[in-house]
Amino acid sequence: MSMPEVISTGALVGMAIILLVLLQQYLKLSDLWKMVEHYQKDLRWAQIWESENRELRSALRAEREHVAQLQRQLELLRALIPIAE
């Protein structure tokens, strides 16, 4: 082999190695991107659940206040009605 052939073969091998490294990096990046997408979906669901939980806590608080109000009204009505003994 002449010197130019050795140089071109070396350059070709170098480019093949670079191509393999780029392919490896692409595959790693692809996996990372899938993880990011999965994380974004999980984050979105967590935000939805948190919002629902806030709404449910608010509704529960309102319901408890309503029950307390009804109990107070019941006590007032009981006080107004004489107990037949």
Protein backbone atom coordinates (compact mmCIF):
# COMPACT_ATOMS: atom_id res chain seq x y z
CA MET A 1 0.00 0.00 0.00
CA SER A 2 1.21 3.40 -0.86
CA MET A 3 1.20 6.29 1.59
CA PRO A 4 -1.89 8.03 0.11
CA GLU A 5 -3.83 4.74 0.36
CA VAL A 6 -2.81 4.36 4.02
CA ILE A 7 -3.86 7.94 4.76
CA SER A 8 -7.22 7.52 2.99
CA THR A 9 -7.84 4.19 4.72
CA GLY A 10 -6.96 5.77 8.08
CA ALA A 11 -9.27 8.69 7.36
CA LEU A 12 -12.06 6.28 6.38
CA VAL A 13 -11.56 4.28 9.59
CA GLY A 14 -11.55 7.53 11.57
CA MET A 15 -14.79 8.64 9.96
CA ALA A 16 -16.35 5.23 10.68
CA ILE A 17 -15.34 5.53 14.35
CA ILE A 18 -16.78 9.04 14.48
CA LEU A 19 -19.99 7.75 12.89
CA LEU A 20 -20.26 4.98 15.49
CA VAL A 21 -19.70 7.45 18.34
CA LEU A 22 -22.37 9.76 16.90
CA LEU A 23 -24.76 6.84 16.59
CA GLN A 24 -24.10 5.87 20.20
CA GLN A 25 -24.71 9.44 21.33
CA TYR A 26 -27.92 9.59 19.30
CA LEU A 27 -29.22 6.43 20.97
CA LYS A 28 -28.41 7.79 24.43
CA LEU A 29 -30.05 11.09 23.57
CA SER A 30 -33.10 9.25 22.27
CA ASP A 31 -33.42 7.38 25.58
CA LEU A 32 -33.05 10.63 27.51
CA TRP A 33 -35.70 12.28 25.35
CA LYS A 34 -38.11 9.42 26.05
CA MET A 35 -37.45 9.87 29.77
CA VAL A 36 -38.15 13.60 29.50
CA GLU A 37 -41.42 12.95 27.65
CA HIS A 38 -42.45 10.41 30.29
CA TYR A 39 -41.55 12.89 33.03
CA GLN A 40 -43.64 15.61 31.36
CA LYS A 41 -46.66 13.29 31.19
CA ASP A 42 -46.23 12.33 34.85
CA LEU A 43 -45.86 15.98 35.81
CA ARG A 44 -49.04 16.89 33.94
CA TRP A 45 -50.99 14.10 35.69
CA ALA A 46 -49.60 15.22 39.04
CA GLN A 47 -50.79 18.77 38.34
CA ILE A 48 -54.24 17.49 37.38
CA TRP A 49 -54.47 15.34 40.52
CA GLU A 50 -53.33 18.24 42.70
CA SER A 51 -55.95 20.48 41.15
CA GLU A 52 -58.63 17.84 41.72
CA ASN A 53 -57.47 17.39 45.31
CA ARG A 54 -57.74 21.14 45.94
CA GLU A 55 -61.26 21.16 44.52
CA LEU A 56 -62.25 18.12 46.61
CA ARG A 57 -60.80 19.63 49.79
CA SER A 58 -62.68 22.84 49.11
CA ALA A 59 -65.93 20.95 48.50
CA LEU A 60 -65.40 18.90 51.68
CA ARG A 61 -64.78 22.05 53.69
CA ALA A 62 -67.98 23.62 52.28
CA GLU A 63 -69.94 20.43 53.03
CA ARG A 64 -68.67 20.35 56.62
CA GLU A 65 -69.68 24.00 57.06
CA HIS A 66 -73.11 23.19 55.66
CA VAL A 67 -73.51 20.24 58.06
CA ALA A 68 -72.49 22.45 60.98
CA GLN A 69 -75.02 25.07 59.91
CA LEU A 70 -77.76 22.44 59.67
CA GLN A 71 -76.86 21.11 63.12
CA ARG A 72 -77.11 24.62 64.57
CA GLN A 73 -80.49 25.10 62.93
CA LEU A 74 -81.64 21.74 64.31
CA GLU A 75 -80.57 22.75 67.80
CA LEU A 76 -82.52 26.02 67.46
CA LEU A 77 -85.62 24.17 66.28
CA ARG A 78 -85.33 21.66 69.14
CA ALA A 79 -85.12 24.54 71.57
CA LEU A 80 -88.28 26.07 70.11
CA ILE A 81 -90.33 22.87 70.22
CA PRO A 82 -91.29 21.84 73.73
CA ILE A 83 -90.40 18.30 74.57
CA ALA A 84 -93.49 16.32 75.50
CA GLU A 85 -92.75 14.27 78.56
